[in-house]
C-alpha cells in the first residue's frame, strides 16, 4: 500500500510523494502536467509512479501543481 507524505493538486491533476521519496502522478497528462513524458490523452485514473528523473540521478525535493503545469524541484545526487 502506498503511503503518501506530501501531495499537490489542481483541478485536473495530482502529484504526490510517498514515504520513500518516490513521485506519483495521476489525472490529466495534457501538456505532460501529470509528470509523464509519454502522451496519455485518456487520463490516469490511479497513482502511477513517475520515473523519468531516476536515470538522471535526481532526487525530488518539492513540487507544485498549477493551472496547466507542474513544477518539480530536484537535487542532483552527485552534488548532495
N, C-alpha and C. Protein backbone atom coordinates (compact mmCIF):
# COMPACT_ATOMS: atom_id res chain seq x y z
N UNK A 1 0.84 -1.18 0.00
CA UNK A 1 0.00 0.00 0.00
C UNK A 1 0.89 1.25 0.00
N UNK A 2 0.57 2.19 -0.85
CA UNK A 2 1.32 3.43 -0.95
C UNK A 2 0.88 4.36 0.18
N UNK A 3 1.85 4.93 0.88
CA UNK A 3 1.56 5.92 1.91
C UNK A 3 2.16 7.25 1.46
N UNK A 4 1.31 8.20 1.11
CA UNK A 4 1.79 9.50 0.65
C UNK A 4 2.10 10.41 1.84
N UNK A 5 3.20 11.14 1.73
CA UNK A 5 3.60 12.06 2.79
C UNK A 5 3.49 13.52 2.34
N UNK A 6 3.34 13.75 1.04
CA UNK A 6 3.17 15.10 0.51
C UNK A 6 2.35 15.00 -0.77
N UNK A 7 1.53 16.03 -1.02
CA UNK A 7 0.65 16.00 -2.19
C UNK A 7 0.39 17.42 -2.66
N UNK A 8 0.27 17.58 -3.98
CA UNK A 8 -0.14 18.84 -4.58
C UNK A 8 -1.13 18.52 -5.68
N UNK A 9 -2.18 19.31 -5.77
CA UNK A 9 -3.19 19.07 -6.80
C UNK A 9 -3.75 20.36 -7.34
N UNK A 10 -4.25 20.25 -8.54
CA UNK A 10 -5.01 21.34 -9.15
C UNK A 10 -6.29 20.73 -9.67
N UNK A 11 -7.01 21.40 -10.48
CA UNK A 11 -8.35 20.95 -10.87
C UNK A 11 -8.37 19.61 -11.59
N UNK A 12 -7.29 19.25 -12.31
CA UNK A 12 -7.37 18.02 -13.10
C UNK A 12 -6.14 17.12 -13.02
N UNK A 13 -5.19 17.40 -12.13
CA UNK A 13 -4.03 16.54 -11.99
C UNK A 13 -3.46 16.62 -10.58
N UNK A 14 -2.74 15.54 -10.20
CA UNK A 14 -2.21 15.40 -8.85
C UNK A 14 -0.78 14.87 -8.93
N UNK A 15 0.11 15.38 -8.08
CA UNK A 15 1.44 14.83 -7.88
C UNK A 15 1.57 14.56 -6.39
N UNK A 16 2.11 13.39 -6.04
CA UNK A 16 2.27 13.03 -4.63
C UNK A 16 3.61 12.33 -4.43
N UNK A 17 4.13 12.43 -3.20
CA UNK A 17 5.38 11.76 -2.84
C UNK A 17 5.09 10.75 -1.75
N UNK A 18 5.66 9.55 -1.90
CA UNK A 18 5.47 8.52 -0.88
C UNK A 18 6.57 8.61 0.18
N UNK A 19 6.50 7.73 1.17
CA UNK A 19 7.43 7.75 2.28
C UNK A 19 8.87 7.43 1.86
N UNK A 20 9.05 6.86 0.67
CA UNK A 20 10.40 6.56 0.16
C UNK A 20 10.96 7.69 -0.70
N UNK A 21 10.19 8.75 -0.91
CA UNK A 21 10.62 9.87 -1.74
C UNK A 21 10.33 9.70 -3.21
N UNK A 22 9.53 8.70 -3.57
CA UNK A 22 9.18 8.47 -4.97
C UNK A 22 7.94 9.28 -5.33
N UNK A 23 7.92 9.78 -6.57
CA UNK A 23 6.80 10.59 -7.04
C UNK A 23 5.78 9.76 -7.79
N UNK A 24 4.53 10.16 -7.66
CA UNK A 24 3.41 9.54 -8.36
C UNK A 24 2.57 10.66 -8.97
N UNK A 25 1.97 10.38 -10.11
CA UNK A 25 1.09 11.34 -10.74
C UNK A 25 -0.17 10.67 -11.24
N UNK A 26 -1.25 11.44 -11.31
CA UNK A 26 -2.48 10.94 -11.92
C UNK A 26 -3.36 12.12 -12.30
N UNK A 27 -4.39 11.83 -13.08
CA UNK A 27 -5.26 12.87 -13.62
C UNK A 27 -4.89 13.14 -15.07
N UNK A 28 -5.06 14.37 -15.48
CA UNK A 28 -4.76 14.75 -16.86
C UNK A 28 -3.26 14.84 -17.08
N UNK A 29 -2.80 14.25 -18.18
CA UNK A 29 -1.40 14.40 -18.57
C UNK A 29 -1.26 15.32 -19.77
N UNK A 30 -2.30 16.10 -20.05
CA UNK A 30 -2.24 17.09 -21.11
C UNK A 30 -1.07 18.01 -20.83
N UNK A 31 -0.25 18.28 -21.82
CA UNK A 31 0.97 19.08 -21.69
C UNK A 31 1.92 18.48 -20.65
N UNK A 32 1.83 17.18 -20.44
CA UNK A 32 2.71 16.43 -19.53
C UNK A 32 2.55 16.84 -18.06
N UNK A 33 1.44 17.44 -17.71
CA UNK A 33 1.28 18.00 -16.36
C UNK A 33 1.19 16.97 -15.25
N UNK A 34 0.88 15.70 -15.56
CA UNK A 34 0.86 14.66 -14.52
C UNK A 34 2.25 14.06 -14.32
N UNK A 35 3.24 14.53 -15.11
CA UNK A 35 4.62 14.12 -14.89
C UNK A 35 5.14 13.03 -15.79
N UNK A 36 4.41 12.70 -16.85
CA UNK A 36 4.83 11.61 -17.72
C UNK A 36 5.21 12.14 -19.10
N UNK A 37 6.36 11.67 -19.60
CA UNK A 37 6.85 12.12 -20.91
C UNK A 37 5.97 11.63 -22.05
N UNK A 38 5.42 10.43 -21.90
CA UNK A 38 4.60 9.89 -22.98
C UNK A 38 3.23 10.57 -22.98
N UNK A 39 2.63 10.62 -24.16
CA UNK A 39 1.29 11.21 -24.29
C UNK A 39 0.25 10.23 -23.78
N UNK A 40 -0.50 10.63 -22.78
CA UNK A 40 -1.59 9.83 -22.24
C UNK A 40 -2.82 10.72 -22.26
N UNK A 41 -3.62 10.59 -23.30
CA UNK A 41 -4.73 11.52 -23.51
C UNK A 41 -6.00 11.14 -22.75
N UNK A 42 -6.13 9.88 -22.37
CA UNK A 42 -7.36 9.46 -21.70
C UNK A 42 -7.35 9.79 -20.21
N UNK A 43 -6.23 10.21 -19.69
CA UNK A 43 -6.10 10.48 -18.26
C UNK A 43 -5.58 9.25 -17.53
N UNK A 44 -5.11 9.47 -16.34
CA UNK A 44 -4.57 8.41 -15.49
C UNK A 44 -5.46 8.37 -14.26
N UNK A 45 -6.09 7.24 -14.02
CA UNK A 45 -7.15 7.18 -13.02
C UNK A 45 -6.74 6.58 -11.69
N UNK A 46 -5.45 6.29 -11.54
CA UNK A 46 -4.93 5.85 -10.24
C UNK A 46 -3.46 6.26 -10.19
N UNK A 47 -2.88 6.37 -9.00
CA UNK A 47 -1.49 6.81 -8.90
C UNK A 47 -0.55 5.92 -9.73
N UNK A 48 0.29 6.58 -10.52
CA UNK A 48 1.28 5.90 -11.36
C UNK A 48 2.64 6.51 -11.04
N UNK A 49 3.63 5.65 -10.80
CA UNK A 49 4.95 6.15 -10.41
C UNK A 49 5.63 6.88 -11.55
N UNK A 50 6.16 8.05 -11.24
CA UNK A 50 6.91 8.87 -12.18
C UNK A 50 8.38 8.47 -12.05
N UNK A 51 9.01 8.11 -13.16
CA UNK A 51 10.38 7.58 -13.08
C UNK A 51 11.40 8.30 -13.95
N UNK A 52 10.98 9.27 -14.75
CA UNK A 52 11.91 9.86 -15.73
C UNK A 52 13.15 10.45 -15.08
N UNK A 53 13.08 10.91 -13.87
CA UNK A 53 14.20 11.59 -13.22
C UNK A 53 15.24 10.64 -12.63
N UNK A 54 14.87 9.39 -12.43
CA UNK A 54 15.76 8.44 -11.78
C UNK A 54 17.02 8.17 -12.60
N UNK A 55 16.90 8.09 -13.91
CA UNK A 55 18.06 7.84 -14.76
C UNK A 55 18.99 9.05 -14.83
N UNK A 56 18.53 10.20 -14.38
CA UNK A 56 19.32 11.43 -14.37
C UNK A 56 19.98 11.67 -13.02
N UNK A 57 19.86 10.71 -12.09
CA UNK A 57 20.43 10.83 -10.74
C UNK A 57 19.90 12.05 -9.99
N UNK A 58 18.60 12.27 -10.08
CA UNK A 58 17.95 13.38 -9.41
C UNK A 58 17.04 12.88 -8.29
N UNK A 59 16.91 13.70 -7.26
CA UNK A 59 16.01 13.41 -6.14
C UNK A 59 14.98 14.53 -6.08
N UNK A 60 13.69 14.21 -6.11
CA UNK A 60 12.68 15.26 -6.00
C UNK A 60 12.68 15.86 -4.59
N UNK A 61 12.65 17.18 -4.51
CA UNK A 61 12.68 17.89 -3.24
C UNK A 61 11.32 18.52 -2.94
N UNK A 62 10.80 19.27 -3.90
CA UNK A 62 9.50 19.95 -3.76
C UNK A 62 8.76 19.86 -5.09
N UNK A 63 7.46 20.02 -5.04
CA UNK A 63 6.66 20.01 -6.26
C UNK A 63 5.38 20.79 -6.03
N UNK A 64 4.81 21.29 -7.13
CA UNK A 64 3.59 22.08 -7.04
C UNK A 64 2.82 21.97 -8.35
N UNK A 65 1.54 21.71 -8.25
CA UNK A 65 0.67 21.65 -9.42
C UNK A 65 0.01 23.02 -9.60
N UNK A 66 -0.06 23.46 -10.85
CA UNK A 66 -0.70 24.73 -11.17
C UNK A 66 -1.78 24.54 -12.22
N UNK A 67 -2.27 25.64 -12.75
CA UNK A 67 -3.40 25.62 -13.68
C UNK A 67 -3.17 24.67 -14.86
N UNK A 68 -2.04 24.80 -15.54
CA UNK A 68 -1.76 23.92 -16.67
C UNK A 68 -0.30 23.47 -16.67
N UNK A 69 0.23 23.27 -15.47
CA UNK A 69 1.63 22.85 -15.36
C UNK A 69 1.87 22.16 -14.02
N UNK A 70 3.04 21.54 -13.94
CA UNK A 70 3.55 21.02 -12.68
C UNK A 70 5.01 21.41 -12.59
N UNK A 71 5.42 21.91 -11.45
CA UNK A 71 6.81 22.27 -11.21
C UNK A 71 7.38 21.28 -10.22
N UNK A 72 8.52 20.68 -10.56
CA UNK A 72 9.21 19.76 -9.65
C UNK A 72 10.63 20.27 -9.49
N UNK A 73 11.03 20.48 -8.24
CA UNK A 73 12.38 20.90 -7.93
C UNK A 73 13.18 19.67 -7.53
N UNK A 74 14.32 19.48 -8.19
CA UNK A 74 15.16 18.31 -7.95
C UNK A 74 16.51 18.71 -7.36
N UNK A 75 17.12 17.76 -6.68
CA UNK A 75 18.50 17.89 -6.23
C UNK A 75 19.30 16.81 -6.95
N UNK A 76 20.48 17.17 -7.41
CA UNK A 76 21.36 16.22 -8.09
C UNK A 76 22.04 15.36 -7.03
N UNK A 77 21.95 14.04 -7.16
CA UNK A 77 22.55 13.12 -6.20
C UNK A 77 24.06 13.35 -6.08
N UNK A 78 24.71 13.67 -7.19
CA UNK A 78 26.17 13.81 -7.20
C UNK A 78 26.65 15.07 -6.47
N UNK A 79 25.78 16.06 -6.32
CA UNK A 79 26.20 17.28 -5.62
C UNK A 79 25.72 17.31 -4.18
N UNK A 80 25.04 16.28 -3.77
CA UNK A 80 24.50 16.22 -2.41
C UNK A 80 25.57 15.93 -1.40
